[in-house]
């Protein structure tokens, strides 16, 4: 059964750095949900890869996060999923059933051996989106975070690079 850690925070809050600090012991596998669809994102991905170093395995899973967790979890392995927010965005963009995908992910996380560290944005602390798609995404992200937090052993919120434990032992 996996040890599940959820790291929440706003954009550029330090949540990815915190997740890396929690997953420092190899073997570890980085599961990336981002896609390099433009130059800026490609550069961002390149910088993140350089920060991690060569000891990290890498799996790109913009849509099939469940399969990536299933295929790469192991008793002594730490998986770092960065991030649930982009995964959700990808699912919505491709017209996937977010509720079914979330339920399937939760089941896989709970059954997985080893440790899983998940990064996700907290998007509900900002201004309310003005358009229906923005509101739909905000609501779906909030529900996804709540579902994962329910089953997580530990949940942290990161602001200004400082972690605050919301659930579980620090």
N, C-alpha and C. Protein backbone atom coordinates (compact mmCIF):
# COMPACT_ATOMS: atom_id res chain seq x y z
N UNK A 1 0.84 -1.17 0.00
CA UNK A 1 0.00 0.00 0.00
C UNK A 1 0.89 1.25 0.00
N UNK A 2 0.55 2.19 -0.85
CA UNK A 2 1.38 3.38 -1.02
C UNK A 2 1.29 4.33 0.17
N UNK A 3 2.38 5.05 0.37
CA UNK A 3 2.34 6.23 1.23
C UNK A 3 2.08 7.38 0.26
N UNK A 4 0.99 8.11 0.44
CA UNK A 4 0.59 9.16 -0.49
C UNK A 4 0.80 10.52 0.18
N UNK A 5 1.56 11.38 -0.51
CA UNK A 5 1.81 12.74 -0.03
C UNK A 5 1.31 13.70 -1.09
N UNK A 6 0.50 14.67 -0.70
CA UNK A 6 -0.03 15.68 -1.61
C UNK A 6 0.55 17.03 -1.22
N UNK A 7 1.16 17.70 -2.19
CA UNK A 7 1.75 19.02 -1.98
C UNK A 7 0.95 20.02 -2.79
N UNK A 8 0.28 20.93 -2.08
CA UNK A 8 -0.57 21.95 -2.70
C UNK A 8 0.09 23.32 -2.58
N UNK A 9 -0.28 24.21 -3.49
CA UNK A 9 0.18 25.59 -3.40
C UNK A 9 -0.20 26.34 -4.65
N UNK A 10 0.04 27.62 -4.64
CA UNK A 10 -0.22 28.46 -5.80
C UNK A 10 0.92 28.37 -6.80
N UNK A 11 0.77 29.09 -7.89
CA UNK A 11 1.81 29.13 -8.92
C UNK A 11 3.08 29.73 -8.32
N UNK A 12 4.22 29.11 -8.61
CA UNK A 12 5.54 29.57 -8.16
C UNK A 12 5.66 29.66 -6.64
N UNK A 13 4.93 28.82 -5.94
CA UNK A 13 4.94 28.85 -4.48
C UNK A 13 6.08 28.04 -3.88
N UNK A 14 6.71 27.17 -4.68
CA UNK A 14 7.76 26.30 -4.17
C UNK A 14 7.31 24.87 -3.96
N UNK A 15 6.12 24.52 -4.48
CA UNK A 15 5.60 23.17 -4.26
C UNK A 15 6.43 22.10 -4.96
N UNK A 16 6.91 22.36 -6.16
CA UNK A 16 7.75 21.36 -6.85
C UNK A 16 9.06 21.14 -6.12
N UNK A 17 9.68 22.22 -5.65
CA UNK A 17 10.93 22.10 -4.88
C UNK A 17 10.69 21.30 -3.61
N UNK A 18 9.56 21.54 -2.95
CA UNK A 18 9.23 20.79 -1.74
C UNK A 18 9.05 19.31 -2.05
N UNK A 19 8.35 19.02 -3.14
CA UNK A 19 8.15 17.63 -3.54
C UNK A 19 9.48 16.94 -3.83
N UNK A 20 10.39 17.63 -4.51
CA UNK A 20 11.71 17.06 -4.78
C UNK A 20 12.46 16.78 -3.48
N UNK A 21 12.35 17.69 -2.52
CA UNK A 21 13.02 17.49 -1.23
C UNK A 21 12.47 16.26 -0.50
N UNK A 22 11.19 15.98 -0.68
CA UNK A 22 10.58 14.82 -0.02
C UNK A 22 10.87 13.51 -0.74
N UNK A 23 11.32 13.61 -1.97
CA UNK A 23 11.55 12.40 -2.78
C UNK A 23 13.03 12.22 -3.10
N UNK A 24 13.88 12.67 -2.24
CA UNK A 24 15.31 12.72 -2.52
C UNK A 24 15.96 11.33 -2.58
N UNK A 25 15.44 10.36 -1.89
CA UNK A 25 16.05 9.03 -1.82
C UNK A 25 15.74 8.19 -3.05
N UNK A 26 16.75 7.81 -3.87
CA UNK A 26 16.49 6.93 -5.01
C UNK A 26 16.15 5.51 -4.54
N UNK A 27 15.53 4.69 -5.34
CA UNK A 27 15.12 5.02 -6.71
C UNK A 27 13.85 5.88 -6.72
N UNK A 28 13.86 6.83 -7.63
CA UNK A 28 12.71 7.71 -7.77
C UNK A 28 12.44 7.96 -9.25
N UNK A 29 11.15 8.12 -9.54
CA UNK A 29 10.70 8.32 -10.91
C UNK A 29 9.84 9.57 -10.95
N UNK A 30 10.16 10.47 -11.86
CA UNK A 30 9.40 11.69 -12.06
C UNK A 30 8.35 11.42 -13.13
N UNK A 31 7.09 11.60 -12.79
CA UNK A 31 6.01 11.44 -13.77
C UNK A 31 5.55 12.83 -14.15
N UNK A 32 5.85 13.21 -15.38
CA UNK A 32 5.55 14.55 -15.88
C UNK A 32 4.24 14.54 -16.64
N UNK A 33 3.38 15.50 -16.32
CA UNK A 33 2.10 15.61 -17.02
C UNK A 33 2.09 16.76 -18.03
N UNK A 34 3.14 17.58 -18.02
CA UNK A 34 3.22 18.72 -18.93
C UNK A 34 3.65 18.27 -20.33
N UNK A 35 3.25 19.04 -21.31
CA UNK A 35 3.70 18.84 -22.68
C UNK A 35 4.35 20.14 -23.15
N UNK A 36 5.43 20.00 -23.91
CA UNK A 36 6.14 21.17 -24.44
C UNK A 36 5.46 21.65 -25.72
N UNK A 37 4.37 22.36 -25.55
CA UNK A 37 3.60 22.82 -26.71
C UNK A 37 4.07 24.17 -27.24
N UNK A 38 4.96 24.83 -26.51
CA UNK A 38 5.53 26.09 -26.98
C UNK A 38 6.95 26.22 -26.41
N UNK A 39 7.68 27.23 -26.88
CA UNK A 39 9.07 27.41 -26.48
C UNK A 39 9.21 27.62 -24.98
N UNK A 40 8.35 28.47 -24.41
CA UNK A 40 8.45 28.77 -22.98
C UNK A 40 8.28 27.52 -22.14
N UNK A 41 7.32 26.67 -22.49
CA UNK A 41 7.10 25.44 -21.73
C UNK A 41 8.26 24.47 -21.94
N UNK A 42 8.78 24.40 -23.14
CA UNK A 42 9.94 23.54 -23.40
C UNK A 42 11.13 23.96 -22.54
N UNK A 43 11.33 25.25 -22.42
CA UNK A 43 12.43 25.77 -21.59
C UNK A 43 12.18 25.48 -20.11
N UNK A 44 10.96 25.63 -19.68
CA UNK A 44 10.59 25.35 -18.29
C UNK A 44 10.85 23.87 -17.98
N UNK A 45 10.45 22.99 -18.88
CA UNK A 45 10.68 21.55 -18.70
C UNK A 45 12.17 21.25 -18.64
N UNK A 46 12.95 21.87 -19.52
CA UNK A 46 14.41 21.67 -19.54
C UNK A 46 15.03 22.07 -18.20
N UNK A 47 14.61 23.22 -17.65
CA UNK A 47 15.14 23.68 -16.36
C UNK A 47 14.78 22.71 -15.24
N UNK A 48 13.54 22.23 -15.24
CA UNK A 48 13.13 21.27 -14.21
C UNK A 48 13.94 19.97 -14.30
N UNK A 49 14.21 19.50 -15.51
CA UNK A 49 15.01 18.28 -15.68
C UNK A 49 16.42 18.48 -15.15
N UNK A 50 17.00 19.65 -15.41
CA UNK A 50 18.35 19.95 -14.93
C UNK A 50 18.38 20.02 -13.40
N UNK A 51 17.34 20.56 -12.79
CA UNK A 51 17.26 20.64 -11.33
C UNK A 51 17.22 19.26 -10.69
N UNK A 52 16.54 18.32 -11.34
CA UNK A 52 16.41 16.98 -10.77
C UNK A 52 17.71 16.20 -10.86
N UNK A 53 18.42 16.30 -11.94
CA UNK A 53 19.65 15.54 -12.11
C UNK A 53 19.41 14.19 -12.76
N UNK A 54 20.51 13.50 -13.01
CA UNK A 54 20.49 12.26 -13.79
C UNK A 54 20.00 11.04 -13.03
N UNK A 55 19.89 11.13 -11.70
CA UNK A 55 19.47 9.94 -10.93
C UNK A 55 17.98 9.65 -11.05
N UNK A 56 17.24 10.58 -11.63
CA UNK A 56 15.79 10.44 -11.74
C UNK A 56 15.38 9.70 -13.01
N UNK A 57 14.47 8.74 -12.86
CA UNK A 57 13.79 8.20 -14.02
C UNK A 57 12.74 9.21 -14.46
N UNK A 58 12.33 9.14 -15.71
CA UNK A 58 11.35 10.07 -16.24
C UNK A 58 10.29 9.33 -17.03
N UNK A 59 9.03 9.62 -16.73
CA UNK A 59 7.91 9.08 -17.49
C UNK A 59 7.02 10.27 -17.86
N UNK A 60 6.70 10.39 -19.13
CA UNK A 60 5.80 11.44 -19.57
C UNK A 60 4.40 10.86 -19.69
N UNK A 61 3.48 11.45 -18.93
CA UNK A 61 2.11 10.93 -18.87
C UNK A 61 1.11 12.07 -18.85
N UNK A 62 0.96 12.78 -19.97
CA UNK A 62 0.02 13.89 -19.98
C UNK A 62 -1.44 13.45 -19.80
N UNK A 63 -1.77 12.22 -20.18
CA UNK A 63 -3.13 11.72 -20.03
C UNK A 63 -3.21 10.44 -19.20
N UNK A 64 -2.31 9.49 -19.43
CA UNK A 64 -2.40 8.19 -18.78
C UNK A 64 -1.60 8.15 -17.49
N UNK A 65 -1.99 8.99 -16.55
CA UNK A 65 -1.33 9.02 -15.25
C UNK A 65 -1.57 7.72 -14.50
N UNK A 66 -2.74 7.18 -14.61
CA UNK A 66 -3.07 5.92 -13.94
C UNK A 66 -2.13 4.81 -14.41
N UNK A 67 -1.93 4.70 -15.71
CA UNK A 67 -1.02 3.69 -16.25
C UNK A 67 0.41 3.92 -15.81
N UNK A 68 0.84 5.17 -15.74
CA UNK A 68 2.21 5.48 -15.32
C UNK A 68 2.42 5.07 -13.86
N UNK A 69 1.45 5.35 -13.00
CA UNK A 69 1.57 4.94 -11.60
C UNK A 69 1.59 3.42 -11.52
N UNK A 70 0.68 2.77 -12.22
CA UNK A 70 0.61 1.30 -12.20
C UNK A 70 1.92 0.68 -12.68
N UNK A 71 2.48 1.21 -13.76
CA UNK A 71 3.66 0.61 -14.38
C UNK A 71 4.96 0.89 -13.64
N UNK A 72 5.02 1.95 -12.85
CA UNK A 72 6.31 2.35 -12.28
C UNK A 72 6.38 2.33 -10.76
N UNK A 73 5.26 2.10 -10.08
CA UNK A 73 5.28 2.01 -8.63
C UNK A 73 6.03 0.76 -8.20
N UNK A 74 6.69 0.86 -7.09
CA UNK A 74 7.42 -0.28 -6.55
C UNK A 74 7.61 -0.11 -5.07
N UNK A 75 7.83 -1.21 -4.39
CA UNK A 75 7.94 -1.20 -2.93
C UNK A 75 8.95 -0.17 -2.42
N UNK A 76 10.07 -0.03 -3.07
CA UNK A 76 11.11 0.89 -2.61
C UNK A 76 11.24 2.12 -3.51
N UNK A 77 10.28 2.31 -4.39
CA UNK A 77 10.32 3.40 -5.36
C UNK A 77 9.48 4.58 -4.88
N UNK A 78 9.99 5.78 -5.11
CA UNK A 78 9.20 6.98 -4.89
C UNK A 78 8.82 7.55 -6.25
N UNK A 79 7.52 7.71 -6.47
CA UNK A 79 7.02 8.37 -7.66
C UNK A 79 6.72 9.82 -7.30
N UNK A 80 7.12 10.74 -8.17
CA UNK A 80 6.77 12.14 -7.98
C UNK A 80 5.95 12.57 -9.18
N UNK A 81 4.71 12.90 -8.97
CA UNK A 81 3.79 13.31 -10.03
C UNK A 81 3.71 14.84 -10.03
N UNK A 82 4.16 15.45 -11.12
CA UNK A 82 4.13 16.91 -11.22
C UNK A 82 3.57 17.27 -12.59
N UNK A 83 2.32 17.67 -12.69
CA UNK A 83 1.43 17.96 -11.58
C UNK A 83 0.01 17.54 -11.95
N UNK A 84 -0.82 17.41 -10.93
CA UNK A 84 -2.21 17.03 -11.14
C UNK A 84 -2.99 18.11 -11.88
N UNK A 85 -2.59 19.35 -11.74
CA UNK A 85 -3.30 20.45 -12.39
C UNK A 85 -3.19 20.36 -13.91
N UNK A 86 -1.99 20.09 -14.41
CA UNK A 86 -1.83 19.94 -15.86
C UNK A 86 -2.51 18.67 -16.35
N UNK A 87 -2.46 17.61 -15.56
CA UNK A 87 -3.15 16.38 -15.93
C UNK A 87 -4.64 16.64 -16.09
N UNK A 88 -5.24 17.34 -15.12
CA UNK A 88 -6.65 17.68 -15.20
C UNK A 88 -6.94 18.53 -16.44
N UNK A 89 -6.12 19.52 -16.68
CA UNK A 89 -6.29 20.37 -17.86
C UNK A 89 -6.25 19.55 -19.14
N UNK A 90 -5.30 18.62 -19.22
CA UNK A 90 -5.19 17.74 -20.39
C UNK A 90 -6.44 16.88 -20.55
N UNK A 91 -6.93 16.32 -19.44
CA UNK A 91 -8.15 15.50 -19.50
C UNK A 91 -9.32 16.30 -20.03
N UNK A 92 -9.50 17.50 -19.49
CA UNK A 92 -10.62 18.34 -19.91
C UNK A 92 -10.48 18.73 -21.38
N UNK A 93 -9.27 19.05 -21.80
CA UNK A 93 -9.03 19.44 -23.19
C UNK A 93 -9.39 18.31 -24.16
N UNK A 94 -9.13 17.07 -23.73
CA UNK A 94 -9.41 15.91 -24.58
C UNK A 94 -10.81 15.33 -24.37
N UNK A 95 -11.64 15.99 -23.55
CA UNK A 95 -13.02 15.55 -23.37
C UNK A 95 -13.17 14.29 -22.55
N UNK A 96 -12.20 13.98 -21.70
CA UNK A 96 -12.27 12.78 -20.86
C UNK A 96 -13.24 13.00 -19.70
N UNK A 97 -13.73 11.91 -19.15
CA UNK A 97 -14.62 11.97 -17.99
C UNK A 97 -13.75 12.15 -16.75
N UNK A 98 -13.70 13.36 -16.23
CA UNK A 98 -12.81 13.70 -15.12
C UNK A 98 -13.15 12.91 -13.85
N UNK A 99 -14.43 12.73 -13.58
CA UNK A 99 -14.83 11.98 -12.38
C UNK A 99 -14.34 10.54 -12.44
N UNK A 100 -14.52 9.89 -13.58
CA UNK A 100 -14.08 8.51 -13.74
C UNK A 100 -12.55 8.43 -13.64
N UNK A 101 -11.86 9.34 -14.30
CA UNK A 101 -10.39 9.35 -14.24
C UNK A 101 -9.90 9.58 -12.82
N UNK A 102 -10.56 10.46 -12.08
CA UNK A 102 -10.17 10.72 -10.69
C UNK A 102 -10.37 9.49 -9.84
N UNK A 103 -11.52 8.84 -9.96
CA UNK A 103 -11.79 7.62 -9.19
C UNK A 103 -10.78 6.53 -9.51
N UNK A 104 -10.45 6.40 -10.79
CA UNK A 104 -9.48 5.38 -11.21
C UNK A 104 -8.09 5.70 -10.66
N UNK A 105 -7.72 6.98 -10.68
CA UNK A 105 -6.42 7.39 -10.12
C UNK A 105 -6.36 7.09 -8.63
N UNK A 106 -7.40 7.46 -7.90
CA UNK A 106 -7.41 7.21 -6.45
C UNK A 106 -7.25 5.72 -6.17
N UNK A 107 -7.97 4.89 -6.88
CA UNK A 107 -7.87 3.44 -6.67
C UNK A 107 -6.45 2.95 -6.93
N UNK A 108 -5.82 3.46 -7.96
CA UNK A 108 -4.44 3.05 -8.29
C UNK A 108 -3.47 3.56 -7.25
N UNK A 109 -3.65 4.78 -6.78
CA UNK A 109 -2.76 5.32 -5.75
C UNK A 109 -2.84 4.51 -4.47
N UNK A 110 -4.05 4.21 -4.04
CA UNK A 110 -4.25 3.46 -2.80
C UNK A 110 -3.64 2.06 -2.90
N UNK A 111 -3.71 1.44 -4.06
CA UNK A 111 -3.21 0.08 -4.25
C UNK A 111 -1.71 0.01 -4.54
N UNK A 112 -1.13 1.12 -4.94
CA UNK A 112 0.27 1.11 -5.37
C UNK A 112 1.22 0.83 -4.21
N UNK A 113 2.26 0.04 -4.47
CA UNK A 113 3.29 -0.12 -3.44
C UNK A 113 4.21 1.10 -3.46
N UNK A 114 4.93 1.32 -2.38
CA UNK A 114 5.91 2.40 -2.36
C UNK A 114 5.32 3.73 -1.93
N UNK A 115 5.93 4.78 -2.44
CA UNK A 115 5.59 6.14 -2.03
C UNK A 115 5.25 6.95 -3.26
N UNK A 116 4.20 7.77 -3.15
CA UNK A 116 3.80 8.64 -4.25
C UNK A 116 3.65 10.06 -3.71
N UNK A 117 4.40 10.98 -4.31
CA UNK A 117 4.32 12.40 -3.97
C UNK A 117 3.64 13.09 -5.14
N UNK A 118 2.53 13.77 -4.87
CA UNK A 118 1.76 14.44 -5.92
C UNK A 118 1.77 15.94 -5.69
N UNK A 119 1.98 16.69 -6.77
CA UNK A 119 1.97 18.15 -6.73
C UNK A 119 0.69 18.61 -7.41
N UNK A 120 0.04 19.61 -6.81
CA UNK A 120 -1.18 20.15 -7.40
C UNK A 120 -1.35 21.61 -7.02
N UNK A 121 -1.92 22.38 -7.92
CA UNK A 121 -2.19 23.78 -7.63
C UNK A 121 -3.47 23.93 -6.84
N UNK A 122 -3.44 24.86 -5.91
CA UNK A 122 -4.66 25.27 -5.20
C UNK A 122 -5.16 26.50 -5.95
N UNK A 123 -6.22 26.32 -6.72
CA UNK A 123 -6.70 27.41 -7.59
C UNK A 123 -7.92 28.12 -7.01
N UNK A 124 -8.41 27.67 -5.88
CA UNK A 124 -9.62 28.25 -5.32
C UNK A 124 -9.40 29.47 -4.45
N UNK A 125 -8.18 29.97 -4.36
CA UNK A 125 -7.90 31.10 -3.47
C UNK A 125 -7.71 32.40 -4.25
N UNK A 126 -8.10 32.39 -5.48
CA UNK A 126 -7.92 33.55 -6.33
C UNK A 126 -9.27 34.15 -6.68
N UNK A 127 -9.26 35.06 -7.62
CA UNK A 127 -10.52 35.63 -8.11
C UNK A 127 -11.33 34.56 -8.82
N UNK A 128 -12.63 34.68 -8.77
CA UNK A 128 -13.50 33.74 -9.48
C UNK A 128 -13.34 33.96 -10.99
N UNK A 129 -13.14 32.87 -11.74
CA UNK A 129 -13.02 33.03 -13.19
C UNK A 129 -14.28 33.67 -13.77
N UNK A 130 -14.10 34.44 -14.82
CA UNK A 130 -15.23 35.16 -15.43
C UNK A 130 -15.93 34.36 -16.51
N UNK A 131 -15.31 33.26 -16.96
CA UNK A 131 -15.94 32.50 -18.03
C UNK A 131 -16.31 31.09 -17.54
N UNK A 132 -17.29 30.46 -18.20
CA UNK A 132 -17.76 29.14 -17.75
C UNK A 132 -16.67 28.07 -17.73
N UNK A 133 -15.79 28.04 -18.75
CA UNK A 133 -14.73 27.03 -18.77
C UNK A 133 -13.78 27.22 -17.59
N UNK A 134 -13.45 28.45 -17.29
CA UNK A 134 -12.58 28.73 -16.14
C UNK A 134 -13.21 28.27 -14.83
N UNK A 135 -14.50 28.53 -14.68
CA UNK A 135 -15.20 28.10 -13.46
C UNK A 135 -15.29 26.57 -13.40
N UNK A 136 -15.54 25.95 -14.54
CA UNK A 136 -15.59 24.49 -14.58
C UNK A 136 -14.24 23.89 -14.17
N UNK A 137 -13.15 24.47 -14.69
CA UNK A 137 -11.82 23.98 -14.35
C UNK A 137 -11.53 24.19 -12.86
N UNK A 138 -11.81 25.39 -12.34
CA UNK A 138 -11.57 25.67 -10.92
C UNK A 138 -12.32 24.68 -10.05
N UNK A 139 -13.58 24.43 -10.36
CA UNK A 139 -14.38 23.50 -9.57
C UNK A 139 -13.84 22.08 -9.66
N UNK A 140 -13.46 21.65 -10.86
CA UNK A 140 -12.92 20.30 -11.05
C UNK A 140 -11.59 20.15 -10.31
N UNK A 141 -10.76 21.20 -10.33
CA UNK A 141 -9.47 21.14 -9.62
C UNK A 141 -9.69 21.04 -8.12
N UNK A 142 -10.65 21.80 -7.61
CA UNK A 142 -10.97 21.72 -6.18
C UNK A 142 -11.45 20.34 -5.78
N UNK A 143 -12.31 19.75 -6.60
CA UNK A 143 -12.81 18.39 -6.30
C UNK A 143 -11.68 17.37 -6.37
N UNK A 144 -10.81 17.48 -7.39
CA UNK A 144 -9.68 16.56 -7.52
C UNK A 144 -8.78 16.66 -6.29
N UNK A 145 -8.43 17.87 -5.88
CA UNK A 145 -7.57 18.04 -4.71
C UNK A 145 -8.22 17.45 -3.46
N UNK A 146 -9.53 17.66 -3.28
CA UNK A 146 -10.22 17.11 -2.12
C UNK A 146 -10.20 15.58 -2.13
N UNK A 147 -10.42 14.99 -3.30
CA UNK A 147 -10.42 13.53 -3.40
C UNK A 147 -9.05 12.94 -3.05
N UNK A 148 -8.01 13.53 -3.61
CA UNK A 148 -6.66 13.02 -3.34
C UNK A 148 -6.31 13.26 -1.87
N UNK A 149 -6.64 14.43 -1.33
CA UNK A 149 -6.33 14.75 0.07
C UNK A 149 -7.01 13.77 1.03
N UNK A 150 -8.21 13.34 0.69
CA UNK A 150 -8.93 12.40 1.55
C UNK A 150 -8.14 11.12 1.76
N UNK A 151 -7.47 10.65 0.71
CA UNK A 151 -6.76 9.37 0.78
C UNK A 151 -5.27 9.53 1.07
N UNK A 152 -4.78 10.77 1.06
CA UNK A 152 -3.36 11.02 1.31
C UNK A 152 -3.02 10.80 2.78
N UNK A 153 -1.83 10.29 3.00
CA UNK A 153 -1.32 10.14 4.37
C UNK A 153 -0.87 11.50 4.92
N UNK A 154 -0.37 12.33 4.02
CA UNK A 154 0.09 13.65 4.42
C UNK A 154 -0.26 14.66 3.33
N UNK A 155 -0.72 15.84 3.74
CA UNK A 155 -1.02 16.93 2.82
C UNK A 155 -0.30 18.16 3.36
N UNK A 156 0.43 18.83 2.46
CA UNK A 156 1.11 20.07 2.81
C UNK A 156 0.66 21.17 1.87
N UNK A 157 0.60 22.37 2.39
CA UNK A 157 0.34 23.56 1.59
C UNK A 157 1.62 24.38 1.61
N UNK A 158 2.09 24.81 0.43
CA UNK A 158 3.33 25.57 0.34
C UNK A 158 3.00 26.99 -0.12
N UNK A 159 3.51 27.96 0.63
CA UNK A 159 3.39 29.38 0.27
C UNK A 159 4.76 30.02 0.51
N UNK A 160 5.25 30.78 -0.46
CA UNK A 160 6.55 31.45 -0.36
C UNK A 160 7.66 30.48 0.00
N UNK A 161 7.55 29.23 -0.50
CA UNK A 161 8.56 28.22 -0.24
C UNK A 161 8.49 27.57 1.12
N UNK A 162 7.49 27.94 1.91
CA UNK A 162 7.36 27.40 3.26
C UNK A 162 6.22 26.41 3.35
N UNK A 163 6.50 25.16 3.77
CA UNK A 163 5.44 24.16 3.87
C UNK A 163 4.67 24.27 5.17
N UNK A 164 3.39 24.07 5.07
CA UNK A 164 2.50 24.02 6.22
C UNK A 164 1.78 22.67 6.15
N UNK A 165 1.91 21.85 7.17
CA UNK A 165 1.27 20.54 7.18
C UNK A 165 -0.20 20.71 7.51
N UNK A 166 -1.05 20.23 6.59
CA UNK A 166 -2.50 20.26 6.77
C UNK A 166 -3.04 18.94 7.32
N UNK A 167 -2.34 17.86 7.00
CA UNK A 167 -2.79 16.52 7.41
C UNK A 167 -1.57 15.63 7.57
N UNK A 168 -1.57 14.80 8.60
CA UNK A 168 -0.48 13.86 8.81
C UNK A 168 0.68 14.49 9.57
N UNK A 169 1.66 13.66 9.87
CA UNK A 169 2.83 14.12 10.62
C UNK A 169 3.78 14.88 9.71
N UNK A 170 4.36 15.99 10.20
CA UNK A 170 5.32 16.74 9.37
C UNK A 170 6.63 15.99 9.20
